[in-house]
Amino acid sequence: MLHIFNRRELCVTFSQQEYWRILDILKQNSIPYTVRILQQNGPDFTSRDYPGGERGVYVHKNDLERARALIGRAGARY
């Protein structure tokens, strides 16, 4: 289970395509994650039709390096 004390920020993105790409990679590799909507521009941020906003993706601190390697962005903020 991810708590605020054992999770780390994997990325922050405004790109809807990048956001869904990252979530798909995490799901395919069975890496638990949580999402924090930092700026919500639409009524339903869980939909793939969501128009935008800033989203933070968090993973367990023990999964951070593996997740970074899988998404191909070693600690980048995009």
PDB file of N, CA and C in Angstrom:
ATOM      1  N   MET A   1       0.835  -1.180   0.000  1.00  0.00           N
ATOM      2  CA  MET A   1       0.000   0.000   0.000  1.00  0.00           C
ATOM      3  C   MET A   1       0.885   1.250   0.000  1.00  0.00           C
ATOM      4  N   LEU A   2       0.476   2.229  -0.748  1.00  0.00           N
ATOM      5  CA  LEU A   2       1.250   3.461  -0.830  1.00  0.00           C
ATOM      6  C   LEU A   2       0.725   4.488   0.174  1.00  0.00           C
ATOM      7  N   HIS A   3       1.609   4.893   1.064  1.00  0.00           N
ATOM      8  CA  HIS A   3       1.315   5.955   2.014  1.00  0.00           C
ATOM      9  C   HIS A   3       2.184   7.148   1.648  1.00  0.00           C
ATOM     10  N   ILE A   4       1.850   8.274   2.171  1.00  0.00           N
ATOM     11  CA  ILE A   4       2.610   9.486   1.888  1.00  0.00           C
ATOM     12  C   ILE A   4       4.073   9.340   2.321  1.00  0.00           C
ATOM     13  N   PHE A   5       4.350   8.506   3.312  1.00  0.00           N
ATOM     14  CA  PHE A   5       5.709   8.363   3.826  1.00  0.00           C
ATOM     15  C   PHE A   5       6.572   7.378   3.035  1.00  0.00           C
ATOM     16  N   ASN A   6       5.955   6.475   2.271  1.00  0.00           N
ATOM     17  CA  ASN A   6       6.764   5.495   1.543  1.00  0.00           C
ATOM     18  C   ASN A   6       6.665   5.647   0.027  1.00  0.00           C
ATOM     19  N   ARG A   7       6.047   6.709  -0.458  1.00  0.00           N
ATOM     20  CA  ARG A   7       5.952   6.920  -1.897  1.00  0.00           C
ATOM     21  C   ARG A   7       6.925   8.005  -2.332  1.00  0.00           C
ATOM     22  N   ARG A   8       7.290   7.947  -3.614  1.00  0.00           N
ATOM     23  CA  ARG A   8       8.173   8.954  -4.200  1.00  0.00           C
ATOM     24  C   ARG A   8       7.585   9.401  -5.523  1.00  0.00           C
ATOM     25  N   GLU A   9       7.841  10.639  -5.882  1.00  0.00           N
ATOM     26  CA  GLU A   9       7.327  11.183  -7.140  1.00  0.00           C
ATOM     27  C   GLU A   9       8.112  10.600  -8.309  1.00  0.00           C
ATOM     28  N   LEU A  10       7.397   9.946  -9.192  1.00  0.00           N
ATOM     29  CA  LEU A  10       8.006   9.405 -10.402  1.00  0.00           C
ATOM     30  C   LEU A  10       8.082  10.486 -11.466  1.00  0.00           C
ATOM     31  N   CYS A  11       7.003  11.222 -11.641  1.00  0.00           N
ATOM     32  CA  CYS A  11       7.005  12.288 -12.642  1.00  0.00           C
ATOM     33  C   CYS A  11       5.832  13.229 -12.420  1.00  0.00           C
ATOM     34  N   VAL A  12       5.925  14.380 -13.051  1.00  0.00           N
ATOM     35  CA  VAL A  12       4.840  15.347 -13.138  1.00  0.00           C
ATOM     36  C   VAL A  12       4.735  15.699 -14.608  1.00  0.00           C
ATOM     37  N   THR A  13       3.532  15.647 -15.153  1.00  0.00           N
ATOM     38  CA  THR A  13       3.371  15.921 -16.573  1.00  0.00           C
ATOM     39  C   THR A  13       2.077  16.668 -16.859  1.00  0.00           C
ATOM     40  N   PHE A  14       2.104  17.479 -17.888  1.00  0.00           N
ATOM     41  CA  PHE A  14       0.910  18.117 -18.420  1.00  0.00           C
ATOM     42  C   PHE A  14       0.391  17.347 -19.629  1.00  0.00           C
ATOM     43  N   SER A  15       1.220  16.498 -20.191  1.00  0.00           N
ATOM     44  CA  SER A  15       0.884  15.772 -21.411  1.00  0.00           C
ATOM     45  C   SER A  15      -0.037  14.596 -21.120  1.00  0.00           C
ATOM     46  N   GLN A  16      -1.219  14.624 -21.702  1.00  0.00           N
ATOM     47  CA  GLN A  16      -2.176  13.545 -21.539  1.00  0.00           C
ATOM     48  C   GLN A  16      -1.627  12.243 -22.115  1.00  0.00           C
ATOM     49  N   GLN A  17      -0.997  12.305 -23.266  1.00  0.00           N
ATOM     50  CA  GLN A  17      -0.441  11.100 -23.894  1.00  0.00           C
ATOM     51  C   GLN A  17       0.665  10.497 -23.045  1.00  0.00           C
ATOM     52  N   GLU A  18       1.542  11.322 -22.519  1.00  0.00           N
ATOM     53  CA  GLU A  18       2.639  10.835 -21.686  1.00  0.00           C
ATOM     54  C   GLU A  18       2.098  10.236 -20.390  1.00  0.00           C
ATOM     55  N   TYR A  19       1.114  10.874 -19.816  1.00  0.00           N
ATOM     56  CA  TYR A  19       0.480  10.388 -18.587  1.00  0.00           C
ATOM     57  C   TYR A  19      -0.063   8.978 -18.782  1.00  0.00           C
ATOM     58  N   TRP A  20      -0.842   8.753 -19.838  1.00  0.00           N
ATOM     59  CA  TRP A  20      -1.426   7.433 -20.075  1.00  0.00           C
ATOM     60  C   TRP A  20      -0.358   6.420 -20.472  1.00  0.00           C
ATOM     61  N   ARG A  21       0.686   6.851 -21.168  1.00  0.00           N
ATOM     62  CA  ARG A  21       1.792   5.950 -21.511  1.00  0.00           C
ATOM     63  C   ARG A  21       2.460   5.435 -20.240  1.00  0.00           C
ATOM     64  N   ILE A  22       2.728   6.315 -19.302  1.00  0.00           N
ATOM     65  CA  ILE A  22       3.372   5.947 -18.050  1.00  0.00           C
ATOM     66  C   ILE A  22       2.489   5.006 -17.239  1.00  0.00           C
ATOM     67  N   LEU A  23       1.197   5.327 -17.129  1.00  0.00           N
ATOM     68  CA  LEU A  23       0.298   4.459 -16.368  1.00  0.00           C
ATOM     69  C   LEU A  23       0.193   3.080 -16.999  1.00  0.00           C
ATOM     70  N   ASP A  24       0.165   3.018 -18.320  1.00  0.00           N
ATOM     71  CA  ASP A  24       0.116   1.722 -19.003  1.00  0.00           C
ATOM     72  C   ASP A  24       1.370   0.897 -18.709  1.00  0.00           C
ATOM     73  N   ILE A  25       2.543   1.540 -18.727  1.00  0.00           N
ATOM     74  CA  ILE A  25       3.796   0.842 -18.427  1.00  0.00           C
ATOM     75  C   ILE A  25       3.793   0.322 -16.995  1.00  0.00           C
ATOM     76  N   LEU A  26       3.342   1.148 -16.059  1.00  0.00           N
ATOM     77  CA  LEU A  26       3.310   0.726 -14.657  1.00  0.00           C
ATOM     78  C   LEU A  26       2.348  -0.449 -14.467  1.00  0.00           C
ATOM     79  N   LYS A  27       1.191  -0.390 -15.109  1.00  0.00           N
ATOM     80  CA  LYS A  27       0.218  -1.486 -15.010  1.00  0.00           C
ATOM     81  C   LYS A  27       0.778  -2.768 -15.605  1.00  0.00           C
ATOM     82  N   GLN A  28       1.400  -2.686 -16.764  1.00  0.00           N
ATOM     83  CA  GLN A  28       1.959  -3.870 -17.427  1.00  0.00           C
ATOM     84  C   GLN A  28       3.046  -4.531 -16.584  1.00  0.00           C
ATOM     85  N   ASN A  29       3.730  -3.750 -15.769  1.00  0.00           N
ATOM     86  CA  ASN A  29       4.823  -4.276 -14.950  1.00  0.00           C
ATOM     87  C   ASN A  29       4.431  -4.456 -13.483  1.00  0.00           C
ATOM     88  N   SER A  30       3.143  -4.376 -13.206  1.00  0.00           N
ATOM     89  CA  SER A  30       2.596  -4.596 -11.856  1.00  0.00           C
ATOM     90  C   SER A  30       3.251  -3.728 -10.789  1.00  0.00           C
ATOM     91  N   ILE A  31       3.467  -2.463 -11.134  1.00  0.00           N
ATOM     92  CA  ILE A  31       4.021  -1.509 -10.180  1.00  0.00           C
ATOM     93  C   ILE A  31       2.867  -0.652  -9.654  1.00  0.00           C
ATOM     94  N   PRO A  32       2.571  -0.746  -8.360  1.00  0.00           N
ATOM     95  CA  PRO A  32       1.484   0.067  -7.800  1.00  0.00           C
ATOM     96  C   PRO A  32       1.832   1.552  -7.878  1.00  0.00           C
ATOM     97  N   TYR A  33       0.824   2.369  -8.090  1.00  0.00           N
ATOM     98  CA  TYR A  33       1.040   3.805  -8.208  1.00  0.00           C
ATOM     99  C   TYR A  33      -0.167   4.553  -7.676  1.00  0.00           C
ATOM    100  N   THR A  34       0.038   5.824  -7.399  1.00  0.00           N
ATOM    101  CA  THR A  34      -1.053   6.733  -7.093  1.00  0.00           C
ATOM    102  C   THR A  34      -0.849   7.965  -7.962  1.00  0.00           C
ATOM    103  N   VAL A  35      -1.931   8.680  -8.165  1.00  0.00           N
ATOM    104  CA  VAL A  35      -1.904   9.881  -9.001  1.00  0.00           C
ATOM    105  C   VAL A  35      -2.444  11.037  -8.176  1.00  0.00           C
ATOM    106  N   ARG A  36      -1.775  12.153  -8.293  1.00  0.00           N
ATOM    107  CA  ARG A  36      -2.257  13.371  -7.645  1.00  0.00           C
ATOM    108  C   ARG A  36      -2.484  14.405  -8.728  1.00  0.00           C
ATOM    109  N   ILE A  37      -3.705  14.898  -8.792  1.00  0.00           N
ATOM    110  CA  ILE A  37      -4.027  15.939  -9.757  1.00  0.00           C
ATOM    111  C   ILE A  37      -3.657  17.270  -9.109  1.00  0.00           C
ATOM    112  N   LEU A  38      -2.648  17.905  -9.669  1.00  0.00           N
ATOM    113  CA  LEU A  38      -2.142  19.154  -9.104  1.00  0.00           C
ATOM    114  C   LEU A  38      -2.878  20.361  -9.652  1.00  0.00           C
ATOM    115  N   GLN A  39      -3.407  20.220 -10.855  1.00  0.00           N
ATOM    116  CA  GLN A  39      -4.208  21.278 -11.470  1.00  0.00           C
ATOM    117  C   GLN A  39      -5.236  20.580 -12.324  1.00  0.00           C
ATOM    118  N   GLN A  40      -6.493  20.719 -11.967  1.00  0.00           N
ATOM    119  CA  GLN A  40      -7.550  20.037 -12.692  1.00  0.00           C
ATOM    120  C   GLN A  40      -8.267  21.023 -13.600  1.00  0.00           C
ATOM    121  N   ASN A  41      -8.289  20.702 -14.899  1.00  0.00           N
ATOM    122  CA  ASN A  41      -8.933  21.579 -15.870  1.00  0.00           C
ATOM    123  C   ASN A  41     -10.230  21.005 -16.418  1.00  0.00           C
ATOM    124  N   GLY A  42     -10.639  19.871 -15.915  1.00  0.00           N
ATOM    125  CA  GLY A  42     -11.840  19.244 -16.437  1.00  0.00           C
ATOM    126  C   GLY A  42     -12.590  18.520 -15.349  1.00  0.00           C
ATOM    127  N   PRO A  43     -13.810  18.092 -15.636  1.00  0.00           N
ATOM    128  CA  PRO A  43     -14.649  17.483 -14.614  1.00  0.00           C
ATOM    129  C   PRO A  43     -14.276  16.047 -14.260  1.00  0.00           C
ATOM    130  N   ASP A  44     -13.648  15.299 -15.171  1.00  0.00           N
ATOM    131  CA  ASP A  44     -13.396  13.880 -14.943  1.00  0.00           C
ATOM    132  C   ASP A  44     -11.975  13.530 -15.311  1.00  0.00           C
ATOM    133  N   PHE A  45     -11.052  13.583 -14.336  1.00  0.00           N
ATOM    134  CA  PHE A  45      -9.649  13.362 -14.638  1.00  0.00           C
ATOM    135  C   PHE A  45      -9.307  11.896 -14.822  1.00  0.00           C
ATOM    136  N   THR A  46     -10.216  10.963 -14.562  1.00  0.00           N
ATOM    137  CA  THR A  46      -9.917   9.547 -14.739  1.00  0.00           C
ATOM    138  C   THR A  46     -10.193   9.080 -16.157  1.00  0.00           C
ATOM    139  N   SER A  47     -10.816   9.902 -16.948  1.00  0.00           N
ATOM    140  CA  SER A  47     -11.163   9.542 -18.314  1.00  0.00           C
ATOM    141  C   SER A  47     -10.012   9.826 -19.263  1.00  0.00           C
ATOM    142  N   ARG A  48      -9.861   8.985 -20.262  1.00  0.00           N
ATOM    143  CA  ARG A  48      -8.838   9.246 -21.274  1.00  0.00           C
ATOM    144  C   ARG A  48      -9.201  10.466 -22.127  1.00  0.00           C
ATOM    145  N   ASP A  49     -10.402  10.958 -21.977  1.00  0.00           N
ATOM    146  CA  ASP A  49     -10.832  12.145 -22.707  1.00  0.00           C
ATOM    147  C   ASP A  49     -10.561  13.423 -21.920  1.00  0.00           C
ATOM    148  N   TYR A  50      -9.974  13.289 -20.744  1.00  0.00           N
ATOM    149  CA  TYR A  50      -9.679  14.451 -19.910  1.00  0.00           C
ATOM    150  C   TYR A  50      -8.770  15.411 -20.654  1.00  0.00           C
ATOM    151  N   PRO A  51      -9.154  16.671 -20.755  1.00  0.00           N
ATOM    152  CA  PRO A  51      -8.442  17.613 -21.621  1.00  0.00           C
ATOM    153  C   PRO A  51      -7.089  18.106 -21.140  1.00  0.00           C
ATOM    154  N   GLY A  52      -6.789  18.056 -19.867  1.00  0.00           N
ATOM    155  CA  GLY A  52      -5.491  18.574 -19.450  1.00  0.00           C
ATOM    156  C   GLY A  52      -5.367  18.712 -17.960  1.00  0.00           C
ATOM    157  N   GLY A  53      -4.276  19.330 -17.551  1.00  0.00           N
ATOM    158  CA  GLY A  53      -4.006  19.521 -16.142  1.00  0.00           C
ATOM    159  C   GLY A  53      -2.655  18.940 -15.791  1.00  0.00           C
ATOM    160  N   GLU A  54      -2.173  19.301 -14.639  1.00  0.00           N
ATOM    161  CA  GLU A  54      -0.877  18.816 -14.172  1.00  0.00           C
ATOM    162  C   GLU A  54      -1.112  17.607 -13.286  1.00  0.00           C
ATOM    163  N   ARG A  55      -0.445  16.503 -13.609  1.00  0.00           N
ATOM    164  CA  ARG A  55      -0.633  15.262 -12.872  1.00  0.00           C
ATOM    165  C   ARG A  55       0.706  14.777 -12.331  1.00  0.00           C
ATOM    166  N   GLY A  56       0.708  14.383 -11.076  1.00  0.00           N
ATOM    167  CA  GLY A  56       1.886  13.775 -10.471  1.00  0.00           C
ATOM    168  C   GLY A  56       1.635  12.287 -10.303  1.00  0.00           C
ATOM    169  N   VAL A  57       2.605  11.472 -10.696  1.00  0.00           N
ATOM    170  CA  VAL A  57       2.508  10.023 -10.553  1.00  0.00           C
ATOM    171  C   VAL A  57       3.524   9.599  -9.498  1.00  0.00           C
ATOM    172  N   TYR A  58       3.055   8.831  -8.523  1.00  0.00           N
ATOM    173  CA  TYR A  58       3.886   8.407  -7.401  1.00  0.00           C
ATOM    174  C   TYR A  58       3.939   6.890  -7.337  1.00  0.00           C
ATOM    175  N   VAL A  59       5.095   6.354  -6.971  1.00  0.00           N
ATOM    176  CA  VAL A  59       5.287   4.917  -6.788  1.00  0.00           C
ATOM    177  C   VAL A  59       5.953   4.682  -5.440  1.00  0.00           C
ATOM    178  N   HIS A  60       5.949   3.436  -4.993  1.00  0.00           N
ATOM    179  CA  HIS A  60       6.617   3.091  -3.745  1.00  0.00           C
ATOM    180  C   HIS A  60       8.110   3.380  -3.896  1.00  0.00           C
ATOM    181  N   LYS A  61       8.736   3.839  -2.838  1.00  0.00           N
ATOM    182  CA  LYS A  61      10.152   4.225  -2.904  1.00  0.00           C
ATOM    183  C   LYS A  61      11.046   3.070  -3.361  1.00  0.00           C
ATOM    184  N   ASN A  62      10.656   1.818  -3.070  1.00  0.00           N
ATOM    185  CA  ASN A  62      11.445   0.668  -3.506  1.00  0.00           C
ATOM    186  C   ASN A  62      11.294   0.380  -4.997  1.00  0.00           C
ATOM    187  N   ASP A  63      10.248   0.904  -5.630  1.00  0.00           N
ATOM    188  CA  ASP A  63      10.005   0.690  -7.053  1.00  0.00           C
ATOM    189  C   ASP A  63      10.455   1.864  -7.926  1.00  0.00           C
ATOM    190  N   LEU A  64      10.948   2.924  -7.312  1.00  0.00           N
ATOM    191  CA  LEU A  64      11.245   4.156  -8.043  1.00  0.00           C
ATOM    192  C   LEU A  64      12.261   3.965  -9.161  1.00  0.00           C
ATOM    193  N   GLU A  65      13.407   3.371  -8.882  1.00  0.00           N
ATOM    194  CA  GLU A  65      14.451   3.220  -9.907  1.00  0.00           C
ATOM    195  C   GLU A  65      13.983   2.320 -11.043  1.00  0.00           C
ATOM    196  N   ARG A  66      13.299   1.240 -10.707  1.00  0.00           N
ATOM    197  CA  ARG A  66      12.771   0.344 -11.742  1.00  0.00           C
ATOM    198  C   ARG A  66      11.757   1.071 -12.624  1.00  0.00           C
ATOM    199  N   ALA A  67      10.872   1.833 -12.006  1.00  0.00           N
ATOM    200  CA  ALA A  67       9.858   2.574 -12.762  1.00  0.00           C
ATOM    201  C   ALA A  67      10.510   3.625 -13.663  1.00  0.00           C
ATOM    202  N   ARG A  68      11.513   4.319 -13.161  1.00  0.00           N
ATOM    203  CA  ARG A  68      12.220   5.314 -13.977  1.00  0.00           C
ATOM    204  C   ARG A  68      12.865   4.656 -15.194  1.00  0.00           C
ATOM    205  N   ALA A  69      13.475   3.506 -14.970  1.00  0.00           N
ATOM    206  CA  ALA A  69      14.111   2.793 -16.082  1.00  0.00           C
ATOM    207  C   ALA A  69      13.070   2.357 -17.113  1.00  0.00           C
ATOM    208  N   LEU A  70      11.933   1.915 -16.650  1.00  0.00           N
ATOM    209  CA  LEU A  70      10.890   1.445 -17.559  1.00  0.00           C
ATOM    210  C   LEU A  70      10.291   2.571 -18.400  1.00  0.00           C
ATOM    211  N   ILE A  71      10.107   3.733 -17.789  1.00  0.00           N
ATOM    212  CA  ILE A  71       9.520   4.825 -18.573  1.00  0.00           C
ATOM    213  C   ILE A  71      10.559   5.556 -19.401  1.00  0.00           C
ATOM    214  N   GLY A  72      11.834   5.275 -19.138  1.00  0.00           N
ATOM    215  CA  GLY A  72      12.895   5.850 -19.970  1.00  0.00           C
ATOM    216  C   GLY A  72      13.227   7.295 -19.677  1.00  0.00           C
ATOM    217  N   ARG A  73      12.890   7.754 -18.501  1.00  0.00           N
ATOM    218  CA  ARG A  73      13.168   9.139 -18.135  1.00  0.00           C
ATOM    219  C   ARG A  73      13.728   9.156 -16.726  1.00  0.00           C
ATOM    220  N   ALA A  74      14.992   9.097 -16.583  1.00  0.00           N
ATOM    221  CA  ALA A  74      15.635   9.015 -15.260  1.00  0.00           C
ATOM    222  C   ALA A  74      15.442  10.308 -14.478  1.00  0.00           C
ATOM    223  N   GLY A  75      14.332  10.398 -13.790  1.00  0.00           N
ATOM    224  CA  GLY A  75      14.066  11.518 -12.899  1.00  0.00           C
ATOM    225  C   GLY A  75      13.664  12.810 -13.583  1.00  0.00           C
ATOM    226  N   ALA A  76      13.332  12.780 -14.845  1.00  0.00           N
ATOM    227  CA  ALA A  76      12.983  14.008 -15.565  1.00  0.00           C
ATOM    228  C   ALA A  76      11.594  14.487 -15.153  1.00  0.00           C
ATOM    229  N   ARG A  77      11.422  15.775 -15.105  1.00  0.00           N
ATOM    230  CA  ARG A  77      10.087  16.369 -14.914  1.00  0.00           C
ATOM    231  C   ARG A  77       9.664  16.907 -16.266  1.00  0.00           C
ATOM    232  N   TYR A  78       8.514  16.461 -16.764  1.00  0.00           N
ATOM    233  CA  TYR A  78       8.029  16.909 -18.074  1.00  0.00           C
ATOM    234  C   TYR A  78       6.602  17.273 -18.020  1.00  0.00           C
TER     235      TYR A  78
END
